[in-house]
Amino acid sequence: MSASSNGFILLVCFSNFRIMINPYFDYQFRIILIGDSMVGKSSLVKAFSDGDFTSLCDPTVGVDFCTRTIVLENGIRIKLQLWDTAGQEKFRSITRSYYRNSVGALLLFDITNRETLEHIPEWYEEAILCIKCPMPAFVLVGHKADRQSERQASNVSQSHLEFAYDNI
């Protein structure tokens, strides 16, 4: 092993992820948040980074990200980066380049807008093509649960369940 110019040492390939050693964390992972515009990706990232929830966020232009170090019970420190991507079609070509170093994705849909759930297979296919990790992790997230009375995606169809079971 040799130190690189940025002070990191490339250690091993563990669980198909590249792991870097750093005095401040043991592992670093990038997770990208994808889904249609206005599903709540930015709100989720803000809640993760500062613990503040806001339902009013400006649309993301390109990408934004936050970083948080999580310490597990065994003392292992994980630097987790959440990358918030623009859901608008006009920014898709920009955001595709940010998939590359991700180890997985949160696929978000808005439970008050069924169409956003129906677009999940398209987002998944794009992520599979762009994420270069050999075995990326995916999590399907139905967001805006605080708005149950407006729920449109209450009955996830059999085809959505089959898609999630087969792919995510």
C-alpha atoms as a PDB file:
ATOM      1  CA  MET A   1       0.000   0.000   0.000  1.00  0.00           C
ATOM      2  CA  SER A   2       1.150   3.496  -0.696  1.00  0.00           C
ATOM      3  CA  ALA A   3      -0.192   6.883   0.303  1.00  0.00           C
ATOM      4  CA  SER A   4      -1.759   8.933  -2.434  1.00  0.00           C
ATOM      5  CA  SER A   5      -1.157  12.652  -2.884  1.00  0.00           C
ATOM      6  CA  ASN A   6      -4.390  13.572  -1.090  1.00  0.00           C
ATOM      7  CA  GLY A   7      -3.405  11.804   2.135  1.00  0.00           C
ATOM      8  CA  PHE A   8      -5.638   8.764   1.679  1.00  0.00           C
ATOM      9  CA  ILE A   9      -4.452   5.185   1.479  1.00  0.00           C
ATOM     10  CA  LEU A  10      -6.339   2.790  -0.740  1.00  0.00           C
ATOM     11  CA  LEU A  11      -6.962  -0.248   1.446  1.00  0.00           C
ATOM     12  CA  VAL A  12      -8.992  -3.090  -0.054  1.00  0.00           C
ATOM     13  CA  CYS A  13     -12.142  -3.893  -1.940  1.00  0.00           C
ATOM     14  CA  PHE A  14     -14.598  -4.876   0.797  1.00  0.00           C
ATOM     15  CA  SER A  15     -18.158  -5.861  -0.070  1.00  0.00           C
ATOM     16  CA  ASN A  16     -17.512  -4.480  -3.546  1.00  0.00           C
ATOM     17  CA  PHE A  17     -16.878  -0.945  -2.246  1.00  0.00           C
ATOM     18  CA  ARG A  18     -13.613   0.955  -2.412  1.00  0.00           C
ATOM     19  CA  ILE A  19     -12.609   1.849   1.099  1.00  0.00           C
ATOM     20  CA  MET A  20     -10.311   4.681   2.085  1.00  0.00           C
ATOM     21  CA  ILE A  21      -8.486   5.106   5.374  1.00  0.00           C
ATOM     22  CA  ASN A  22      -8.554   8.579   6.885  1.00  0.00           C
ATOM     23  CA  PRO A  23      -7.894   9.823  10.408  1.00  0.00           C
ATOM     24  CA  TYR A  24     -11.473  11.138  10.641  1.00  0.00           C
ATOM     25  CA  PHE A  25     -13.422   8.161   9.295  1.00  0.00           C
ATOM     26  CA  ASP A  26     -12.962   4.480   8.490  1.00  0.00           C
ATOM     27  CA  TYR A  27     -15.256   4.184   5.470  1.00  0.00           C
ATOM     28  CA  GLN A  28     -16.792   6.633   3.046  1.00  0.00           C
ATOM     29  CA  PHE A  29     -19.925   5.970   1.012  1.00  0.00           C
ATOM     30  CA  ARG A  30     -21.815   8.118  -1.482  1.00  0.00           C
ATOM     31  CA  ILE A  31     -25.553   7.553  -1.882  1.00  0.00           C
ATOM     32  CA  ILE A  32     -27.396   9.428  -4.611  1.00  0.00           C
ATOM     33  CA  LEU A  33     -31.038  10.488  -4.215  1.00  0.00           C
ATOM     34  CA  ILE A  34     -33.033  10.236  -7.415  1.00  0.00           C
ATOM     35  CA  GLY A  35     -36.636  10.699  -8.409  1.00  0.00           C
ATOM     36  CA  ASP A  36     -38.951  13.164 -10.091  1.00  0.00           C
ATOM     37  CA  SER A  37     -38.848  16.863  -9.324  1.00  0.00           C
ATOM     38  CA  MET A  38     -40.641  17.890  -6.107  1.00  0.00           C
ATOM     39  CA  VAL A  39     -40.739  14.422  -4.482  1.00  0.00           C
ATOM     40  CA  GLY A  40     -38.834  15.705  -1.433  1.00  0.00           C
ATOM     41  CA  LYS A  41     -35.203  14.788  -2.120  1.00  0.00           C
ATOM     42  CA  SER A  42     -33.879  18.147  -0.880  1.00  0.00           C
ATOM     43  CA  SER A  43     -36.071  18.028   2.245  1.00  0.00           C
ATOM     44  CA  LEU A  44     -34.741  14.587   3.086  1.00  0.00           C
ATOM     45  CA  VAL A  45     -31.119  15.696   2.615  1.00  0.00           C
ATOM     46  CA  LYS A  46     -31.698  18.769   4.790  1.00  0.00           C
ATOM     47  CA  ALA A  47     -33.290  16.672   7.538  1.00  0.00           C
ATOM     48  CA  PHE A  48     -30.340  14.270   7.383  1.00  0.00           C
ATOM     49  CA  SER A  49     -27.692  16.999   7.503  1.00  0.00           C
ATOM     50  CA  ASP A  50     -29.053  19.414  10.141  1.00  0.00           C
ATOM     51  CA  GLY A  51     -32.040  17.630  11.616  1.00  0.00           C
ATOM     52  CA  ASP A  52     -34.340  20.383  10.332  1.00  0.00           C
ATOM     53  CA  PHE A  53     -37.314  19.381   8.253  1.00  0.00           C
ATOM     54  CA  THR A  54     -38.690  21.846   5.763  1.00  0.00           C
ATOM     55  CA  SER A  55     -41.401  21.196   3.232  1.00  0.00           C
ATOM     56  CA  LEU A  56     -40.425  24.256   1.194  1.00  0.00           C
ATOM     57  CA  CYS A  57     -37.181  23.850  -0.740  1.00  0.00           C
ATOM     58  CA  ASP A  58     -36.137  25.503  -3.952  1.00  0.00           C
ATOM     59  CA  PRO A  59     -35.713  23.057  -6.833  1.00  0.00           C
ATOM     60  CA  THR A  60     -32.184  21.680  -7.036  1.00  0.00           C
ATOM     61  CA  VAL A  61     -30.180  22.886 -10.024  1.00  0.00           C
ATOM     62  CA  GLY A  62     -27.687  20.182 -10.951  1.00  0.00           C
ATOM     63  CA  VAL A  63     -26.675  18.552  -7.658  1.00  0.00           C
ATOM     64  CA  ASP A  64     -26.133  19.378  -4.010  1.00  0.00           C
ATOM     65  CA  PHE A  65     -24.782  17.178  -1.239  1.00  0.00           C
ATOM     66  CA  CYS A  66     -24.322  16.871   2.482  1.00  0.00           C
ATOM     67  CA  THR A  67     -21.907  14.825   4.521  1.00  0.00           C
ATOM     68  CA  ARG A  68     -22.357  13.314   7.940  1.00  0.00           C
ATOM     69  CA  THR A  69     -20.107  11.032   9.949  1.00  0.00           C
ATOM     70  CA  ILE A  70     -21.920   8.183  11.639  1.00  0.00           C
ATOM     71  CA  VAL A  71     -20.262   6.207  14.434  1.00  0.00           C
ATOM     72  CA  LEU A  72     -21.439   2.615  14.762  1.00  0.00           C
ATOM     73  CA  GLU A  73     -21.667   0.789  18.098  1.00  0.00           C
ATOM     74  CA  ASN A  74     -18.355  -0.950  17.380  1.00  0.00           C
ATOM     75  CA  GLY A  75     -16.619   2.426  16.942  1.00  0.00           C
ATOM     76  CA  ILE A  76     -16.361   2.308  13.151  1.00  0.00           C
ATOM     77  CA  ARG A  77     -16.782   5.784  11.666  1.00  0.00           C
ATOM     78  CA  ILE A  78     -18.618   6.058   8.360  1.00  0.00           C
ATOM     79  CA  LYS A  79     -18.571   9.239   6.330  1.00  0.00           C
ATOM     80  CA  LEU A  80     -21.887   9.157   4.483  1.00  0.00           C
ATOM     81  CA  GLN A  81     -22.468  11.541   1.604  1.00  0.00           C
ATOM     82  CA  LEU A  82     -26.014  12.061   0.357  1.00  0.00           C
ATOM     83  CA  TRP A  83     -26.138  13.582  -3.116  1.00  0.00           C
ATOM     84  CA  ASP A  84     -29.326  15.453  -3.949  1.00  0.00           C
ATOM     85  CA  THR A  85     -29.987  15.508  -7.690  1.00  0.00           C
ATOM     86  CA  ALA A  86     -32.272  17.631  -9.820  1.00  0.00           C
ATOM     87  CA  GLY A  87     -35.369  15.737 -10.858  1.00  0.00           C
ATOM     88  CA  GLN A  88     -36.140  17.987 -13.803  1.00  0.00           C
ATOM     89  CA  GLU A  89     -35.502  16.506 -17.238  1.00  0.00           C
ATOM     90  CA  LYS A  90     -33.424  19.488 -18.385  1.00  0.00           C
ATOM     91  CA  PHE A  91     -30.768  18.682 -15.739  1.00  0.00           C
ATOM     92  CA  ARG A  92     -30.589  14.907 -16.325  1.00  0.00           C
ATOM     93  CA  SER A  93     -27.409  15.021 -18.411  1.00  0.00           C
ATOM     94  CA  ILE A  94     -25.651  16.995 -15.653  1.00  0.00           C
ATOM     95  CA  THR A  95     -26.712  14.699 -12.835  1.00  0.00           C
ATOM     96  CA  ARG A  96     -25.739  11.481 -14.636  1.00  0.00           C
ATOM     97  CA  SER A  97     -22.063  12.259 -14.083  1.00  0.00           C
ATOM     98  CA  TYR A  98     -22.615  12.257 -10.298  1.00  0.00           C
ATOM     99  CA  TYR A  99     -23.825   8.646 -10.226  1.00  0.00           C
ATOM    100  CA  ARG A 100     -20.343   7.345 -11.006  1.00  0.00           C
ATOM    101  CA  ASN A 101     -18.835   7.197  -7.493  1.00  0.00           C
ATOM    102  CA  SER A 102     -22.039   6.165  -5.745  1.00  0.00           C
ATOM    103  CA  VAL A 103     -22.487   2.827  -4.027  1.00  0.00           C
ATOM    104  CA  GLY A 104     -26.257   3.006  -4.292  1.00  0.00           C
ATOM    105  CA  ALA A 105     -29.333   5.170  -4.548  1.00  0.00           C
ATOM    106  CA  LEU A 106     -32.464   6.153  -2.715  1.00  0.00           C
ATOM    107  CA  LEU A 107     -35.292   6.048  -5.264  1.00  0.00           C
ATOM    108  CA  LEU A 108     -37.846   8.578  -4.033  1.00  0.00           C
ATOM    109  CA  PHE A 109     -41.471   8.995  -4.971  1.00  0.00           C
ATOM    110  CA  ASP A 110     -44.147  11.285  -3.555  1.00  0.00           C
ATOM    111  CA  ILE A 111     -47.066   9.354  -2.041  1.00  0.00           C
ATOM    112  CA  THR A 112     -49.369  12.252  -2.992  1.00  0.00           C
ATOM    113  CA  ASN A 113     -48.464  11.942  -6.689  1.00  0.00           C
ATOM    114  CA  ARG A 114     -48.884   8.457  -8.150  1.00  0.00           C
ATOM    115  CA  GLU A 115     -47.093   9.429 -11.377  1.00  0.00           C
ATOM    116  CA  THR A 116     -43.826   9.791  -9.426  1.00  0.00           C
ATOM    117  CA  LEU A 117     -44.106   6.131  -8.366  1.00  0.00           C
ATOM    118  CA  GLU A 118     -44.735   5.085 -11.952  1.00  0.00           C
ATOM    119  CA  HIS A 119     -41.458   6.762 -13.010  1.00  0.00           C
ATOM    120  CA  ILE A 120     -39.349   4.761 -10.519  1.00  0.00           C
ATOM    121  CA  PRO A 121     -38.458   2.003 -13.039  1.00  0.00           C
ATOM    122  CA  GLU A 122     -36.998   4.672 -15.370  1.00  0.00           C
ATOM    123  CA  TRP A 123     -34.910   6.145 -12.544  1.00  0.00           C
ATOM    124  CA  TYR A 124     -33.745   2.675 -11.568  1.00  0.00           C
ATOM    125  CA  GLU A 125     -32.686   1.818 -15.126  1.00  0.00           C
ATOM    126  CA  GLU A 126     -30.734   5.068 -15.401  1.00  0.00           C
ATOM    127  CA  ALA A 127     -29.001   4.376 -12.073  1.00  0.00           C
ATOM    128  CA  ILE A 128     -28.056   0.830 -13.109  1.00  0.00           C
ATOM    129  CA  LEU A 129     -26.418   2.229 -16.246  1.00  0.00           C
ATOM    130  CA  CYS A 130     -24.590   5.073 -14.482  1.00  0.00           C
ATOM    131  CA  ILE A 131     -23.543   3.675 -11.079  1.00  0.00           C
ATOM    132  CA  LYS A 132     -20.242   1.886 -11.574  1.00  0.00           C
ATOM    133  CA  CYS A 133     -20.228  -0.005  -8.262  1.00  0.00           C
ATOM    134  CA  PRO A 134     -20.439  -3.778  -8.993  1.00  0.00           C
ATOM    135  CA  MET A 135     -23.350  -4.383  -6.586  1.00  0.00           C
ATOM    136  CA  PRO A 136     -25.123  -1.087  -5.891  1.00  0.00           C
ATOM    137  CA  ALA A 137     -27.691  -0.900  -3.087  1.00  0.00           C
ATOM    138  CA  PHE A 138     -31.138   0.550  -3.749  1.00  0.00           C
ATOM    139  CA  VAL A 139     -33.868   1.666  -1.353  1.00  0.00           C
ATOM    140  CA  LEU A 140     -37.360   2.637  -2.494  1.00  0.00           C
ATOM    141  CA  VAL A 141     -38.659   5.588  -0.432  1.00  0.00           C
ATOM    142  CA  GLY A 142     -42.280   6.731  -0.369  1.00  0.00           C
ATOM    143  CA  HIS A 143     -41.905  10.316   0.844  1.00  0.00           C
ATOM    144  CA  LYS A 144     -44.334  12.865   2.330  1.00  0.00           C
ATOM    145  CA  ALA A 145     -45.967  10.405   4.731  1.00  0.00           C
ATOM    146  CA  ASP A 146     -47.090  13.422   6.768  1.00  0.00           C
ATOM    147  CA  ARG A 147     -49.660  14.099   4.035  1.00  0.00           C
ATOM    148  CA  GLN A 148     -51.623  10.835   4.358  1.00  0.00           C
ATOM    149  CA  SER A 149     -54.961  12.489   3.575  1.00  0.00           C
ATOM    150  CA  GLU A 150     -53.638  13.417   0.108  1.00  0.00           C
ATOM    151  CA  ARG A 151     -52.182   9.992  -0.577  1.00  0.00           C
ATOM    152  CA  GLN A 152     -52.517   8.787  -4.194  1.00  0.00           C
ATOM    153  CA  ALA A 153     -50.007   5.960  -4.113  1.00  0.00           C
ATOM    154  CA  SER A 154     -51.731   4.033  -1.326  1.00  0.00           C
ATOM    155  CA  ASN A 155     -51.964   0.763  -3.154  1.00  0.00           C
ATOM    156  CA  VAL A 156     -48.654  -0.036  -4.719  1.00  0.00           C
ATOM    157  CA  SER A 157     -49.604  -2.224  -7.661  1.00  0.00           C
ATOM    158  CA  GLN A 158     -48.506  -5.822  -8.108  1.00  0.00           C
ATOM    159  CA  SER A 159     -46.254  -4.742 -10.983  1.00  0.00           C
ATOM    160  CA  HIS A 160     -44.479  -2.219  -8.718  1.00  0.00           C
ATOM    161  CA  LEU A 161     -43.968  -4.877  -6.042  1.00  0.00           C
ATOM    162  CA  GLU A 162     -42.643  -7.329  -8.628  1.00  0.00           C
ATOM    163  CA  PHE A 163     -40.294  -4.669  -9.988  1.00  0.00           C
ATOM    164  CA  ALA A 164     -38.995  -3.863  -6.495  1.00  0.00           C
ATOM    165  CA  TYR A 165     -38.583  -7.549  -5.615  1.00  0.00           C
ATOM    166  CA  ASP A 166     -36.766  -8.373  -8.853  1.00  0.00           C
ATOM    167  CA  ASN A 167     -34.555  -5.294  -9.007  1.00  0.00           C
ATOM    168  CA  ILE A 168     -34.156  -3.358  -5.790  1.00  0.00           C
END
